[in-house]
Amino acid sequence: DLLSIDGPLRGREGPKTLTIAPGQPYVAIALLPVVPGGAAADASLRMSIDDDVGTEVWSSTIRVDAVERYLEGPGVVTILVPRTLVPDGRYTARVRFADDPARAPLLETPFIVRSR
């Protein structure tokens, strides 16, 4: 299964749920961050997953120009997070500028992982 995260929750919409098959080694998440116009191509974005108490359980950085290539090609940035890092529970996916963590995230969305 692939969880698509494309923006904040709206209205009465609850967090998206990703159901994982037994033995699946990774959680696949498709991120669709909106990169502001004028962002430097060599700027780094930090993608992260936090658990329900705010502890970061996974992160990676990627350059803005790479994100733009993914969004022009496949249309998403797909991340594979080891299942051992995201047991069943609630999480928040975030994408923000790596050099400015105080700046509002480009993407911040809660989601739920559960076993099938």
C-alpha atoms as a PDB file:
ATOM      1  CA  ASP A   1       0.000   0.000   0.000  1.00  0.00           C
ATOM      2  CA  LEU A   2       1.060   3.595  -0.645  1.00  0.00           C
ATOM      3  CA  LEU A   3      -0.056   6.493   1.525  1.00  0.00           C
ATOM      4  CA  SER A   4      -0.421   9.749  -0.409  1.00  0.00           C
ATOM      5  CA  ILE A   5       0.091  12.898   1.671  1.00  0.00           C
ATOM      6  CA  ASP A   6      -0.732  16.003  -0.285  1.00  0.00           C
ATOM      7  CA  GLY A   7      -1.497  18.686   2.269  1.00  0.00           C
ATOM      8  CA  PRO A   8      -3.177  19.627   5.522  1.00  0.00           C
ATOM      9  CA  LEU A   9      -6.444  18.119   6.662  1.00  0.00           C
ATOM     10  CA  ARG A  10      -9.527  20.059   5.675  1.00  0.00           C
ATOM     11  CA  GLY A  11     -12.936  20.281   7.294  1.00  0.00           C
ATOM     12  CA  ARG A  12     -13.998  17.121   9.135  1.00  0.00           C
ATOM     13  CA  GLU A  13     -11.502  14.924   7.348  1.00  0.00           C
ATOM     14  CA  GLY A  14      -9.577  12.704   9.761  1.00  0.00           C
ATOM     15  CA  PRO A  15      -6.000  11.496   9.404  1.00  0.00           C
ATOM     16  CA  LYS A  16      -5.371   9.120   6.494  1.00  0.00           C
ATOM     17  CA  THR A  17      -4.749   5.501   7.485  1.00  0.00           C
ATOM     18  CA  LEU A  18      -2.175   3.212   5.922  1.00  0.00           C
ATOM     19  CA  THR A  19      -2.775  -0.489   6.494  1.00  0.00           C
ATOM     20  CA  ILE A  20       0.391  -2.577   6.323  1.00  0.00           C
ATOM     21  CA  ALA A  21       0.495  -6.245   5.336  1.00  0.00           C
ATOM     22  CA  PRO A  22       2.294  -8.658   7.693  1.00  0.00           C
ATOM     23  CA  GLY A  23       5.989  -8.906   6.912  1.00  0.00           C
ATOM     24  CA  GLN A  24       6.105  -5.729   4.829  1.00  0.00           C
ATOM     25  CA  PRO A  25       9.562  -4.245   5.548  1.00  0.00           C
ATOM     26  CA  TYR A  26       8.784  -0.641   4.568  1.00  0.00           C
ATOM     27  CA  VAL A  27       6.012   1.915   4.791  1.00  0.00           C
ATOM     28  CA  ALA A  28       5.674   3.689   1.420  1.00  0.00           C
ATOM     29  CA  ILE A  29       4.568   7.322   1.604  1.00  0.00           C
ATOM     30  CA  ALA A  30       4.054   9.667  -1.347  1.00  0.00           C
ATOM     31  CA  LEU A  31       4.637  13.304  -0.408  1.00  0.00           C
ATOM     32  CA  LEU A  32       3.423  16.239  -2.486  1.00  0.00           C
ATOM     33  CA  PRO A  33       5.121  19.293  -0.977  1.00  0.00           C
ATOM     34  CA  VAL A  34       4.491  22.723  -2.465  1.00  0.00           C
ATOM     35  CA  VAL A  35       7.849  24.420  -2.963  1.00  0.00           C
ATOM     36  CA  PRO A  36       7.534  28.216  -2.971  1.00  0.00           C
ATOM     37  CA  GLY A  37       8.536  30.006  -6.163  1.00  0.00           C
ATOM     38  CA  GLY A  38      11.948  31.558  -5.880  1.00  0.00           C
ATOM     39  CA  ALA A  39      13.319  28.841  -3.584  1.00  0.00           C
ATOM     40  CA  ALA A  40      17.004  28.260  -4.337  1.00  0.00           C
ATOM     41  CA  ALA A  41      17.528  25.063  -6.356  1.00  0.00           C
ATOM     42  CA  ASP A  42      20.347  23.999  -4.029  1.00  0.00           C
ATOM     43  CA  ALA A  43      18.370  24.628  -0.831  1.00  0.00           C
ATOM     44  CA  SER A  44      17.743  21.494   1.230  1.00  0.00           C
ATOM     45  CA  LEU A  45      14.369  20.286   2.436  1.00  0.00           C
ATOM     46  CA  ARG A  46      14.064  18.062   5.471  1.00  0.00           C
ATOM     47  CA  MET A  47      11.402  15.369   5.313  1.00  0.00           C
ATOM     48  CA  SER A  48      10.524  13.881   8.686  1.00  0.00           C
ATOM     49  CA  ILE A  49       8.106  11.565  10.446  1.00  0.00           C
ATOM     50  CA  ASP A  50       7.263  12.247  14.110  1.00  0.00           C
ATOM     51  CA  ASP A  51       5.372   9.898  16.423  1.00  0.00           C
ATOM     52  CA  ASP A  52       2.314  10.911  18.464  1.00  0.00           C
ATOM     53  CA  VAL A  53       4.427  12.481  21.236  1.00  0.00           C
ATOM     54  CA  GLY A  54       6.540  14.537  18.826  1.00  0.00           C
ATOM     55  CA  THR A  55       9.645  12.347  18.729  1.00  0.00           C
ATOM     56  CA  GLU A  56      11.231  12.249  15.305  1.00  0.00           C
ATOM     57  CA  VAL A  57      11.419   8.607  14.178  1.00  0.00           C
ATOM     58  CA  TRP A  58      12.713   9.111  10.618  1.00  0.00           C
ATOM     59  CA  SER A  59      14.167  11.927   8.522  1.00  0.00           C
ATOM     60  CA  SER A  60      16.022  12.607   5.319  1.00  0.00           C
ATOM     61  CA  THR A  61      17.083  15.669   3.351  1.00  0.00           C
ATOM     62  CA  ILE A  62      16.628  16.360  -0.343  1.00  0.00           C
ATOM     63  CA  ARG A  63      17.499  19.345  -2.518  1.00  0.00           C
ATOM     64  CA  VAL A  64      14.748  21.580  -3.887  1.00  0.00           C
ATOM     65  CA  ASP A  65      15.791  20.871  -7.489  1.00  0.00           C
ATOM     66  CA  ALA A  66      15.434  17.111  -6.869  1.00  0.00           C
ATOM     67  CA  VAL A  67      11.947  17.624  -5.393  1.00  0.00           C
ATOM     68  CA  GLU A  68      10.960  19.698  -8.422  1.00  0.00           C
ATOM     69  CA  ARG A  69      12.197  16.936 -10.775  1.00  0.00           C
ATOM     70  CA  TYR A  70      10.130  14.329  -8.889  1.00  0.00           C
ATOM     71  CA  LEU A  71       7.057  16.537  -8.958  1.00  0.00           C
ATOM     72  CA  GLU A  72       7.464  17.142 -12.724  1.00  0.00           C
ATOM     73  CA  GLY A  73       8.113  13.433 -13.446  1.00  0.00           C
ATOM     74  CA  PRO A  74       6.282  10.944 -11.241  1.00  0.00           C
ATOM     75  CA  GLY A  75       4.355  13.762  -9.551  1.00  0.00           C
ATOM     76  CA  VAL A  76       5.326  12.796  -5.996  1.00  0.00           C
ATOM     77  CA  VAL A  77       8.333  12.298  -3.753  1.00  0.00           C
ATOM     78  CA  THR A  78       8.096   8.706  -2.537  1.00  0.00           C
ATOM     79  CA  ILE A  79       9.797   7.772   0.707  1.00  0.00           C
ATOM     80  CA  LEU A  80      10.295   4.289   2.115  1.00  0.00           C
ATOM     81  CA  VAL A  81      10.398   4.240   5.903  1.00  0.00           C
ATOM     82  CA  PRO A  82      11.511   1.015   7.630  1.00  0.00           C
ATOM     83  CA  ARG A  83       8.481  -0.594   9.265  1.00  0.00           C
ATOM     84  CA  THR A  84      10.497  -1.057  12.468  1.00  0.00           C
ATOM     85  CA  LEU A  85      10.579   2.749  12.846  1.00  0.00           C
ATOM     86  CA  VAL A  86       6.816   3.164  12.440  1.00  0.00           C
ATOM     87  CA  PRO A  87       4.921   0.514  14.403  1.00  0.00           C
ATOM     88  CA  ASP A  88       1.135   0.821  14.576  1.00  0.00           C
ATOM     89  CA  GLY A  89       0.213   4.287  15.774  1.00  0.00           C
ATOM     90  CA  ARG A  90      -0.271   7.961  14.903  1.00  0.00           C
ATOM     91  CA  TYR A  91       2.368  10.016  13.114  1.00  0.00           C
ATOM     92  CA  THR A  92       2.918  13.375  11.464  1.00  0.00           C
ATOM     93  CA  ALA A  93       4.745  13.829   8.172  1.00  0.00           C
ATOM     94  CA  ARG A  94       6.564  17.138   7.687  1.00  0.00           C
ATOM     95  CA  VAL A  95       8.573  18.790   4.936  1.00  0.00           C
ATOM     96  CA  ARG A  96      10.410  22.015   5.770  1.00  0.00           C
ATOM     97  CA  PHE A  97      13.489  23.975   4.798  1.00  0.00           C
ATOM     98  CA  ALA A  98      16.441  22.255   6.490  1.00  0.00           C
ATOM     99  CA  ASP A  99      18.278  25.498   7.262  1.00  0.00           C
ATOM    100  CA  ASP A 100      15.258  27.218   8.841  1.00  0.00           C
ATOM    101  CA  PRO A 101      13.390  24.809  11.195  1.00  0.00           C
ATOM    102  CA  ALA A 102      11.442  27.703  12.751  1.00  0.00           C
ATOM    103  CA  ARG A 103       9.830  28.499   9.383  1.00  0.00           C
ATOM    104  CA  ALA A 104       6.357  27.050   8.813  1.00  0.00           C
ATOM    105  CA  PRO A 105       6.481  23.578   7.210  1.00  0.00           C
ATOM    106  CA  LEU A 106       5.759  23.254   3.493  1.00  0.00           C
ATOM    107  CA  LEU A 107       3.755  20.157   4.362  1.00  0.00           C
ATOM    108  CA  GLU A 108       2.487  18.912   7.720  1.00  0.00           C
ATOM    109  CA  THR A 109      -0.088  16.153   7.893  1.00  0.00           C
ATOM    110  CA  PRO A 110      -1.027  13.543  10.514  1.00  0.00           C
ATOM    111  CA  PHE A 111      -1.561   9.918   9.497  1.00  0.00           C
ATOM    112  CA  ILE A 112      -2.145   6.515  11.090  1.00  0.00           C
ATOM    113  CA  VAL A 113      -0.270   3.255  10.510  1.00  0.00           C
ATOM    114  CA  ARG A 114      -1.938  -0.049  11.381  1.00  0.00           C
ATOM    115  CA  SER A 115      -1.389  -3.726  10.690  1.00  0.00           C
ATOM    116  CA  ARG A 116      -3.664  -5.635   8.377  1.00  0.00           C
END
